[in-house]
Amino acid sequence: MSVDSKDFQDELQKAIDYAHQVTAEKGETSPEAASAWDVVEEMRAEVSHQHQIPKKTGFDQYLEDNPEAPEGLMYDT
């Protein structure tokens, strides 16, 4: 699932809402609240990570699909 998809954003919002709820019910220092906020942090980290991965160009994809292509060969000079 792409982090930019509506489904992922909805799941992230649900996780945030749940973390707020658990924090209000159990307290800020409870293990349950810490666990709920860990889930939120992991989801946010995935968003950050996926936005840092450079997109492949068409040429990069071509070289990946055709590793022996002459355009991709490197020569020592």
PDB file of N, CA and C in Angstrom:
ATOM      1  N   MET A   1       0.846  -1.171   0.000  1.00  0.00           N
ATOM      2  CA  MET A   1       0.000   0.000   0.000  1.00  0.00           C
ATOM      3  C   MET A   1       0.897   1.241   0.000  1.00  0.00           C
ATOM      4  N   SER A   2       0.628   2.140  -0.885  1.00  0.00           N
ATOM      5  CA  SER A   2       1.391   3.375  -0.962  1.00  0.00           C
ATOM      6  C   SER A   2       1.040   4.284   0.210  1.00  0.00           C
ATOM      7  N   VAL A   3       2.052   4.948   0.758  1.00  0.00           N
ATOM      8  CA  VAL A   3       1.803   5.841   1.885  1.00  0.00           C
ATOM      9  C   VAL A   3       1.019   7.077   1.464  1.00  0.00           C
ATOM     10  N   ASP A   4       0.950   7.333   0.170  1.00  0.00           N
ATOM     11  CA  ASP A   4       0.186   8.468  -0.327  1.00  0.00           C
ATOM     12  C   ASP A   4      -1.266   8.105  -0.617  1.00  0.00           C
ATOM     13  N   SER A   5      -1.605   6.832  -0.478  1.00  0.00           N
ATOM     14  CA  SER A   5      -2.973   6.410  -0.780  1.00  0.00           C
ATOM     15  C   SER A   5      -3.932   6.869   0.313  1.00  0.00           C
ATOM     16  N   LYS A   6      -5.169   7.008  -0.065  1.00  0.00           N
ATOM     17  CA  LYS A   6      -6.224   7.402   0.879  1.00  0.00           C
ATOM     18  C   LYS A   6      -6.351   6.357   1.982  1.00  0.00           C
ATOM     19  N   ASP A   7      -6.253   5.078   1.632  1.00  0.00           N
ATOM     20  CA  ASP A   7      -6.381   4.007   2.627  1.00  0.00           C
ATOM     21  C   ASP A   7      -5.300   4.122   3.712  1.00  0.00           C
ATOM     22  N   PHE A   8      -4.059   4.368   3.300  1.00  0.00           N
ATOM     23  CA  PHE A   8      -2.983   4.491   4.281  1.00  0.00           C
ATOM     24  C   PHE A   8      -3.205   5.707   5.162  1.00  0.00           C
ATOM     25  N   GLN A   9      -3.590   6.816   4.559  1.00  0.00           N
ATOM     26  CA  GLN A   9      -3.832   8.034   5.344  1.00  0.00           C
ATOM     27  C   GLN A   9      -4.973   7.822   6.336  1.00  0.00           C
ATOM     28  N   ASP A  10      -6.006   7.076   5.922  1.00  0.00           N
ATOM     29  CA  ASP A  10      -7.109   6.758   6.830  1.00  0.00           C
ATOM     30  C   ASP A  10      -6.627   5.889   7.988  1.00  0.00           C
ATOM     31  N   GLU A  11      -5.795   4.896   7.687  1.00  0.00           N
ATOM     32  CA  GLU A  11      -5.259   4.019   8.735  1.00  0.00           C
ATOM     33  C   GLU A  11      -4.371   4.806   9.697  1.00  0.00           C
ATOM     34  N   LEU A  12      -3.589   5.728   9.164  1.00  0.00           N
ATOM     35  CA  LEU A  12      -2.746   6.562  10.014  1.00  0.00           C
ATOM     36  C   LEU A  12      -3.602   7.409  10.941  1.00  0.00           C
ATOM     37  N   GLN A  13      -4.652   7.989  10.403  1.00  0.00           N
ATOM     38  CA  GLN A  13      -5.538   8.817  11.226  1.00  0.00           C
ATOM     39  C   GLN A  13      -6.228   7.972  12.299  1.00  0.00           C
ATOM     40  N   LYS A  14      -6.625   6.759  11.959  1.00  0.00           N
ATOM     41  CA  LYS A  14      -7.236   5.856  12.944  1.00  0.00           C
ATOM     42  C   LYS A  14      -6.236   5.530  14.054  1.00  0.00           C
ATOM     43  N   ALA A  15      -4.981   5.299  13.673  1.00  0.00           N
ATOM     44  CA  ALA A  15      -3.950   4.992  14.667  1.00  0.00           C
ATOM     45  C   ALA A  15      -3.725   6.185  15.597  1.00  0.00           C
ATOM     46  N   ILE A  16      -3.735   7.379  15.052  1.00  0.00           N
ATOM     47  CA  ILE A  16      -3.560   8.588  15.864  1.00  0.00           C
ATOM     48  C   ILE A  16      -4.741   8.746  16.824  1.00  0.00           C
ATOM     49  N   ASP A  17      -5.954   8.580  16.297  1.00  0.00           N
ATOM     50  CA  ASP A  17      -7.144   8.695  17.140  1.00  0.00           C
ATOM     51  C   ASP A  17      -7.131   7.664  18.262  1.00  0.00           C
ATOM     52  N   TYR A  18      -6.734   6.434  17.925  1.00  0.00           N
ATOM     53  CA  TYR A  18      -6.658   5.373  18.924  1.00  0.00           C
ATOM     54  C   TYR A  18      -5.611   5.710  19.981  1.00  0.00           C
ATOM     55  N   ALA A  19      -4.476   6.220  19.559  1.00  0.00           N
ATOM     56  CA  ALA A  19      -3.426   6.584  20.514  1.00  0.00           C
ATOM     57  C   ALA A  19      -3.907   7.680  21.459  1.00  0.00           C
ATOM     58  N   HIS A  20      -4.638   8.656  20.937  1.00  0.00           N
ATOM     59  CA  HIS A  20      -5.206   9.703  21.793  1.00  0.00           C
ATOM     60  C   HIS A  20      -6.186   9.101  22.794  1.00  0.00           C
ATOM     61  N   GLN A  21      -7.018   8.192  22.323  1.00  0.00           N
ATOM     62  CA  GLN A  21      -8.019   7.560  23.171  1.00  0.00           C
ATOM     63  C   GLN A  21      -7.346   6.760  24.291  1.00  0.00           C
ATOM     64  N   VAL A  22      -6.372   5.937  23.936  1.00  0.00           N
ATOM     65  CA  VAL A  22      -5.674   5.119  24.932  1.00  0.00           C
ATOM     66  C   VAL A  22      -4.948   6.008  25.937  1.00  0.00           C
ATOM     67  N   THR A  23      -4.337   7.077  25.472  1.00  0.00           N
ATOM     68  CA  THR A  23      -3.635   7.997  26.358  1.00  0.00           C
ATOM     69  C   THR A  23      -4.602   8.630  27.350  1.00  0.00           C
ATOM     70  N   ALA A  24      -5.781   9.024  26.856  1.00  0.00           N
ATOM     71  CA  ALA A  24      -6.779   9.635  27.740  1.00  0.00           C
ATOM     72  C   ALA A  24      -7.305   8.634  28.765  1.00  0.00           C
ATOM     73  N   GLU A  25      -7.480   7.392  28.360  1.00  0.00           N
ATOM     74  CA  GLU A  25      -8.042   6.374  29.254  1.00  0.00           C
ATOM     75  C   GLU A  25      -7.010   5.798  30.225  1.00  0.00           C
ATOM     76  N   LYS A  26      -5.814   5.511  29.749  1.00  0.00           N
ATOM     77  CA  LYS A  26      -4.819   4.786  30.548  1.00  0.00           C
ATOM     78  C   LYS A  26      -3.732   5.688  31.142  1.00  0.00           C
ATOM     79  N   GLY A  27      -3.594   6.887  30.597  1.00  0.00           N
ATOM     80  CA  GLY A  27      -2.557   7.793  31.072  1.00  0.00           C
ATOM     81  C   GLY A  27      -1.373   7.837  30.125  1.00  0.00           C
ATOM     82  N   GLU A  28      -0.681   8.958  30.185  1.00  0.00           N
ATOM     83  CA  GLU A  28       0.440   9.187  29.269  1.00  0.00           C
ATOM     84  C   GLU A  28       1.593   8.214  29.460  1.00  0.00           C
ATOM     85  N   THR A  29       1.778   7.721  30.661  1.00  0.00           N
ATOM     86  CA  THR A  29       2.933   6.872  30.941  1.00  0.00           C
ATOM     87  C   THR A  29       2.600   5.381  30.905  1.00  0.00           C
ATOM     88  N   SER A  30       1.397   5.047  30.482  1.00  0.00           N
ATOM     89  CA  SER A  30       1.007   3.639  30.449  1.00  0.00           C
ATOM     90  C   SER A  30       1.690   2.907  29.291  1.00  0.00           C
ATOM     91  N   PRO A  31       1.951   1.615  29.471  1.00  0.00           N
ATOM     92  CA  PRO A  31       2.545   0.824  28.380  1.00  0.00           C
ATOM     93  C   PRO A  31       1.630   0.760  27.151  1.00  0.00           C
ATOM     94  N   GLU A  32       0.321   0.769  27.390  1.00  0.00           N
ATOM     95  CA  GLU A  32      -0.628   0.721  26.275  1.00  0.00           C
ATOM     96  C   GLU A  32      -0.531   1.982  25.421  1.00  0.00           C
ATOM     97  N   ALA A  33      -0.410   3.139  26.084  1.00  0.00           N
ATOM     98  CA  ALA A  33      -0.279   4.403  25.354  1.00  0.00           C
ATOM     99  C   ALA A  33       1.040   4.433  24.586  1.00  0.00           C
ATOM    100  N   ALA A  34       2.100   3.971  25.233  1.00  0.00           N
ATOM    101  CA  ALA A  34       3.405   3.945  24.556  1.00  0.00           C
ATOM    102  C   ALA A  34       3.348   3.060  23.320  1.00  0.00           C
ATOM    103  N   SER A  35       2.695   1.935  23.435  1.00  0.00           N
ATOM    104  CA  SER A  35       2.574   1.019  22.298  1.00  0.00           C
ATOM    105  C   SER A  35       1.752   1.646  21.169  1.00  0.00           C
ATOM    106  N   ALA A  36       0.664   2.295  21.528  1.00  0.00           N
ATOM    107  CA  ALA A  36      -0.182   2.931  20.506  1.00  0.00           C
ATOM    108  C   ALA A  36       0.586   4.035  19.777  1.00  0.00           C
ATOM    109  N   TRP A  37       1.370   4.823  20.518  1.00  0.00           N
ATOM    110  CA  TRP A  37       2.142   5.894  19.882  1.00  0.00           C
ATOM    111  C   TRP A  37       3.316   5.334  19.080  1.00  0.00           C
ATOM    112  N   ASP A  38       3.833   4.179  19.468  1.00  0.00           N
ATOM    113  CA  ASP A  38       4.874   3.525  18.672  1.00  0.00           C
ATOM    114  C   ASP A  38       4.351   3.152  17.286  1.00  0.00           C
ATOM    115  N   VAL A  39       3.108   2.689  17.228  1.00  0.00           N
ATOM    116  CA  VAL A  39       2.496   2.354  15.937  1.00  0.00           C
ATOM    117  C   VAL A  39       2.407   3.597  15.062  1.00  0.00           C
ATOM    118  N   VAL A  40       1.969   4.702  15.657  1.00  0.00           N
ATOM    119  CA  VAL A  40       1.866   5.965  14.912  1.00  0.00           C
ATOM    120  C   VAL A  40       3.243   6.379  14.406  1.00  0.00           C
ATOM    121  N   GLU A  41       4.246   6.291  15.272  1.00  0.00           N
ATOM    122  CA  GLU A  41       5.605   6.681  14.883  1.00  0.00           C
ATOM    123  C   GLU A  41       6.137   5.816  13.745  1.00  0.00           C
ATOM    124  N   GLU A  42       5.877   4.517  13.800  1.00  0.00           N
ATOM    125  CA  GLU A  42       6.315   3.619  12.731  1.00  0.00           C
ATOM    126  C   GLU A  42       5.645   3.975  11.403  1.00  0.00           C
ATOM    127  N   MET A  43       4.373   4.298  11.456  1.00  0.00           N
ATOM    128  CA  MET A  43       3.662   4.662  10.224  1.00  0.00           C
ATOM    129  C   MET A  43       4.207   5.963   9.658  1.00  0.00           C
ATOM    130  N   ARG A  44       4.460   6.924  10.518  1.00  0.00           N
ATOM    131  CA  ARG A  44       5.019   8.205  10.058  1.00  0.00           C
ATOM    132  C   ARG A  44       6.433   8.017   9.511  1.00  0.00           C
ATOM    133  N   ALA A  45       7.201   7.147  10.130  1.00  0.00           N
ATOM    134  CA  ALA A  45       8.553   6.872   9.648  1.00  0.00           C
ATOM    135  C   ALA A  45       8.498   6.244   8.257  1.00  0.00           C
ATOM    136  N   GLU A  46       7.524   5.383   8.021  1.00  0.00           N
ATOM    137  CA  GLU A  46       7.380   4.763   6.697  1.00  0.00           C
ATOM    138  C   GLU A  46       7.049   5.815   5.643  1.00  0.00           C
ATOM    139  N   VAL A  47       6.208   6.780   6.003  1.00  0.00           N
ATOM    140  CA  VAL A  47       5.900   7.872   5.078  1.00  0.00           C
ATOM    141  C   VAL A  47       7.180   8.616   4.724  1.00  0.00           C
ATOM    142  N   SER A  48       7.958   8.960   5.732  1.00  0.00           N
ATOM    143  CA  SER A  48       9.202   9.681   5.512  1.00  0.00           C
ATOM    144  C   SER A  48      10.166   8.860   4.659  1.00  0.00           C
ATOM    145  N   HIS A  49      10.279   7.584   4.980  1.00  0.00           N
ATOM    146  CA  HIS A  49      11.198   6.709   4.249  1.00  0.00           C
ATOM    147  C   HIS A  49      10.810   6.593   2.771  1.00  0.00           C
ATOM    148  N   GLN A  50       9.545   6.379   2.510  1.00  0.00           N
ATOM    149  CA  GLN A  50       9.117   6.212   1.114  1.00  0.00           C
ATOM    150  C   GLN A  50       9.255   7.502   0.318  1.00  0.00           C
ATOM    151  N   HIS A  51       9.174   8.636   0.976  1.00  0.00           N
ATOM    152  CA  HIS A  51       9.341   9.895   0.254  1.00  0.00           C
ATOM    153  C   HIS A  51      10.808  10.210  -0.010  1.00  0.00           C
ATOM    154  N   GLN A  52      11.721   9.501   0.667  1.00  0.00           N
ATOM    155  CA  GLN A  52      13.149   9.726   0.445  1.00  0.00           C
ATOM    156  C   GLN A  52      13.724   8.830  -0.639  1.00  0.00           C
ATOM    157  N   ILE A  53      13.038   7.777  -0.983  1.00  0.00           N
ATOM    158  CA  ILE A  53      13.531   6.855  -2.001  1.00  0.00           C
ATOM    159  C   ILE A  53      13.411   7.530  -3.365  1.00  0.00           C
ATOM    160  N   PRO A  54      14.526   7.691  -4.066  1.00  0.00           N
ATOM    161  CA  PRO A  54      14.444   8.346  -5.370  1.00  0.00           C
ATOM    162  C   PRO A  54      13.672   7.478  -6.366  1.00  0.00           C
ATOM    163  N   LYS A  55      12.904   8.141  -7.185  1.00  0.00           N
ATOM    164  CA  LYS A  55      12.132   7.446  -8.214  1.00  0.00           C
ATOM    165  C   LYS A  55      13.076   6.980  -9.321  1.00  0.00           C
ATOM    166  N   LYS A  56      12.787   5.822  -9.861  1.00  0.00           N
ATOM    167  CA  LYS A  56      13.595   5.310 -10.969  1.00  0.00           C
ATOM    168  C   LYS A  56      13.200   6.039 -12.251  1.00  0.00           C
ATOM    169  N   THR A  57      14.205   6.346 -13.034  1.00  0.00           N
ATOM    170  CA  THR A  57      13.936   6.927 -14.343  1.00  0.00           C
ATOM    171  C   THR A  57      13.612   5.794 -15.313  1.00  0.00           C
ATOM    172  N   GLY A  58      13.098   6.145 -16.454  1.00  0.00           N
ATOM    173  CA  GLY A  58      12.830   5.147 -17.482  1.00  0.00           C
ATOM    174  C   GLY A  58      14.106   4.430 -17.891  1.00  0.00           C
ATOM    175  N   PHE A  59      15.218   5.168 -17.939  1.00  0.00           N
ATOM    176  CA  PHE A  59      16.502   4.567 -18.304  1.00  0.00           C
ATOM    177  C   PHE A  59      16.959   3.569 -17.239  1.00  0.00           C
ATOM    178  N   ASP A  60      16.793   3.934 -15.961  1.00  0.00           N
ATOM    179  CA  ASP A  60      17.152   3.009 -14.887  1.00  0.00           C
ATOM    180  C   ASP A  60      16.349   1.720 -14.975  1.00  0.00           C
ATOM    181  N   GLN A  61      15.062   1.846 -15.260  1.00  0.00           N
ATOM    182  CA  GLN A  61      14.203   0.666 -15.385  1.00  0.00           C
ATOM    183  C   GLN A  61      14.633  -0.182 -16.576  1.00  0.00           C
ATOM    184  N   TYR A  62      14.985   0.483 -17.681  1.00  0.00           N
ATOM    185  CA  TYR A  62      15.457  -0.215 -18.872  1.00  0.00           C
ATOM    186  C   TYR A  62      16.714  -1.025 -18.553  1.00  0.00           C
ATOM    187  N   LEU A  63      17.668  -0.401 -17.848  1.00  0.00           N
ATOM    188  CA  LEU A  63      18.902  -1.101 -17.496  1.00  0.00           C
ATOM    189  C   LEU A  63      18.644  -2.256 -16.534  1.00  0.00           C
ATOM    190  N   GLU A  64      17.682  -2.091 -15.657  1.00  0.00           N
ATOM    191  CA  GLU A  64      17.336  -3.176 -14.742  1.00  0.00           C
ATOM    192  C   GLU A  64      16.722  -4.350 -15.499  1.00  0.00           C
ATOM    193  N   ASP A  65      15.891  -4.030 -16.474  1.00  0.00           N
ATOM    194  CA  ASP A  65      15.248  -5.077 -17.276  1.00  0.00           C
ATOM    195  C   ASP A  65      16.211  -5.701 -18.283  1.00  0.00           C
ATOM    196  N   ASN A  66      17.225  -4.936 -18.705  1.00  0.00           N
ATOM    197  CA  ASN A  66      18.179  -5.386 -19.718  1.00  0.00           C
ATOM    198  C   ASN A  66      19.610  -5.156 -19.220  1.00  0.00           C
ATOM    199  N   PRO A  67      20.092  -5.978 -18.299  1.00  0.00           N
ATOM    200  CA  PRO A  67      21.400  -5.713 -17.697  1.00  0.00           C
ATOM    201  C   PRO A  67      22.573  -5.779 -18.679  1.00  0.00           C
ATOM    202  N   GLU A  68      22.394  -6.450 -19.803  1.00  0.00           N
ATOM    203  CA  GLU A  68      23.480  -6.558 -20.779  1.00  0.00           C
ATOM    204  C   GLU A  68      23.395  -5.504 -21.883  1.00  0.00           C
ATOM    205  N   ALA A  69      22.500  -4.551 -21.744  1.00  0.00           N
ATOM    206  CA  ALA A  69      22.338  -3.527 -22.786  1.00  0.00           C
ATOM    207  C   ALA A  69      23.632  -2.724 -22.933  1.00  0.00           C
ATOM    208  N   PRO A  70      24.020  -2.445 -24.164  1.00  0.00           N
ATOM    209  CA  PRO A  70      25.276  -1.702 -24.376  1.00  0.00           C
ATOM    210  C   PRO A  70      25.247  -0.313 -23.754  1.00  0.00           C
ATOM    211  N   GLU A  71      24.068   0.281 -23.639  1.00  0.00           N
ATOM    212  CA  GLU A  71      23.967   1.636 -23.065  1.00  0.00           C
ATOM    213  C   GLU A  71      24.390   1.652 -21.597  1.00  0.00           C
ATOM    214  N   GLY A  72      24.299   0.512 -20.939  1.00  0.00           N
ATOM    215  CA  GLY A  72      24.605   0.459 -19.521  1.00  0.00           C
ATOM    216  C   GLY A  72      25.989  -0.042 -19.188  1.00  0.00           C
ATOM    217  N   LEU A  73      26.743  -0.436 -20.199  1.00  0.00           N
ATOM    218  CA  LEU A  73      28.083  -0.953 -19.932  1.00  0.00           C
ATOM    219  C   LEU A  73      29.032   0.174 -19.571  1.00  0.00           C
ATOM    220  N   MET A  74      29.898  -0.095 -18.610  1.00  0.00           N
ATOM    221  CA  MET A  74      30.882   0.895 -18.198  1.00  0.00           C
ATOM    222  C   MET A  74      32.247   0.415 -18.677  1.00  0.00           C
ATOM    223  N   TYR A  75      32.975   1.307 -19.268  1.00  0.00           N
ATOM    224  CA  TYR A  75      34.290   0.978 -19.812  1.00  0.00           C
ATOM    225  C   TYR A  75      35.359   1.733 -19.025  1.00  0.00           C
ATOM    226  N   ASP A  76      36.465   1.046 -18.768  1.00  0.00           N
ATOM    227  CA  ASP A  76      37.612   1.710 -18.157  1.00  0.00           C
ATOM    228  C   ASP A  76      38.366   2.432 -19.268  1.00  0.00           C
ATOM    229  N   THR A  77      38.731   3.657 -19.012  1.00  0.00           N
ATOM    230  CA  THR A  77      39.490   4.411 -20.017  1.00  0.00           C
ATOM    231  C   THR A  77      40.841   4.807 -19.504  1.00  0.00           C
TER     232      THR A  77
END
